[in-house]
Protein backbone atom coordinates (compact mmCIF):
# COMPACT_ATOMS: atom_id res chain seq x y z
CA MET A 1 105.71 111.62 95.15
CA GLY A 2 103.84 114.47 93.63
CA HIS A 3 101.18 113.16 91.19
CA THR A 4 99.68 115.87 89.01
CA ALA A 5 96.03 116.31 89.44
CA LYS A 6 95.16 114.58 86.18
CA ASN A 7 97.37 111.69 87.01
CA LYS A 8 96.08 111.46 90.52
CA VAL A 9 92.52 111.20 89.28
CA LYS A 10 93.64 108.52 86.75
CA LEU A 11 95.40 106.47 89.42
CA LEU A 12 92.48 106.68 91.79
CA ASN A 13 90.04 105.52 89.10
CA ARG A 14 92.40 102.52 88.49
CA VAL A 15 92.27 101.77 92.26
CA LYS A 16 88.49 101.97 92.36
CA ARG A 17 88.34 99.61 89.30
CA ILE A 18 90.58 97.13 91.33
CA GLN A 19 88.40 97.60 94.36
CA GLY A 20 85.23 96.60 92.18
CA GLN A 21 87.26 93.63 90.89
CA VAL A 22 88.08 92.48 94.44
CA GLU A 23 84.55 92.80 95.51
CA GLY A 24 83.68 90.60 92.55
CA ILE A 25 85.97 87.85 93.93
CA ALA A 26 84.23 88.10 97.26
CA ARG A 27 80.80 87.86 95.56
CA GLY A 28 81.93 84.89 93.68
CA LEU A 29 83.24 83.10 96.67
CA ASP A 30 79.99 84.01 98.54
CA GLU A 31 77.86 82.74 95.72
CA GLY A 32 79.73 79.55 95.51
CA ARG A 33 80.83 80.09 91.90
CA GLU A 34 83.04 77.53 90.06
CA CYS A 35 86.68 77.63 91.01
CA GLY A 36 87.72 78.41 87.39
CA GLU A 37 85.63 81.50 87.32
CA VAL A 38 87.04 82.60 90.71
CA LEU A 39 90.58 81.98 89.47
CA GLN A 40 89.85 84.10 86.40
CA LEU A 41 88.65 86.96 88.65
CA ILE A 42 91.82 86.74 90.71
CA ALA A 43 93.99 86.70 87.75
CA ALA A 44 92.27 89.88 86.46
CA VAL A 45 92.97 91.67 89.82
CA ARG A 46 96.49 90.61 89.72
CA GLY A 47 96.85 91.86 86.35
CA ALA A 48 95.20 95.19 87.20
CA VAL A 49 97.46 95.68 90.33
CA ASN A 50 100.52 94.84 88.05
CA GLY A 51 99.45 97.47 85.60
CA LEU A 52 99.04 99.92 88.47
CA MET A 53 102.37 99.11 89.91
CA ALA A 54 104.18 99.54 86.59
CA GLU A 55 102.53 102.93 86.07
CA VAL A 56 103.62 104.21 89.43
CA ILE A 57 107.13 102.87 89.00
CA GLU A 58 107.39 104.46 85.69
CA GLU A 59 106.34 107.95 87.18
CA HIS A 60 108.73 107.38 90.10
CA LEU A 61 111.66 106.77 87.73
CA ARG A 62 110.88 109.70 85.68
CA GLU A 63 110.45 112.13 88.52
CA HIS A 64 113.06 110.80 91.02
CA VAL A 65 115.79 109.12 88.93
CA ALA A 66 115.71 110.48 85.27
CA SER A 67 114.49 114.06 85.77
CA PRO A 68 116.75 116.73 84.49
CA ASP A 69 115.53 118.72 87.52
CA ILE A 70 117.26 116.60 89.92
CA ALA A 71 120.28 118.63 91.22
CA SER A 72 122.61 115.99 92.71
CA ASP A 73 123.79 112.37 92.12
CA ALA A 74 122.97 111.76 95.74
CA GLU A 75 119.35 112.75 95.21
CA ARG A 76 119.18 110.54 92.13
CA ALA A 77 120.67 107.55 93.91
CA ARG A 78 118.10 107.97 96.74
CA GLY A 79 115.36 107.64 94.14
CA ALA A 80 116.93 104.56 92.57
CA ASP A 81 117.45 102.92 95.81
CA GLU A 82 113.95 103.52 96.82
CA ILE A 83 112.58 101.68 93.81
CA VAL A 84 115.09 98.83 94.14
CA GLY A 85 113.84 98.18 97.64
CA ILE A 86 110.18 98.39 96.57
CA LEU A 87 110.81 96.11 93.77
CA ARG A 88 112.61 93.60 95.83
CA THR A 89 109.48 93.52 98.18
CA TYR A 90 107.08 93.30 95.24
CA LEU A 91 108.85 90.70 93.52
CA LYS A 92 109.10 88.16 96.30
């Protein structure tokens, strides 16, 4: 997948924020924080990962399924099949 430089930086910044959130979970567990607080941290990470996944899925669909630059139906089908397989894994 070819990310534009601008989008690549944006995606990497999102990943860095998620890393920080995961580190927050580890600190919360290490410090013995209340279960409810740790659960909130976990929920925030899940939401952030879901948002990242949605953004990358959208980019994939636009570039590899819906783009007018795609020359063949076979290439378009490959792009669709790839995202279907990923979604099946992700939604398990």
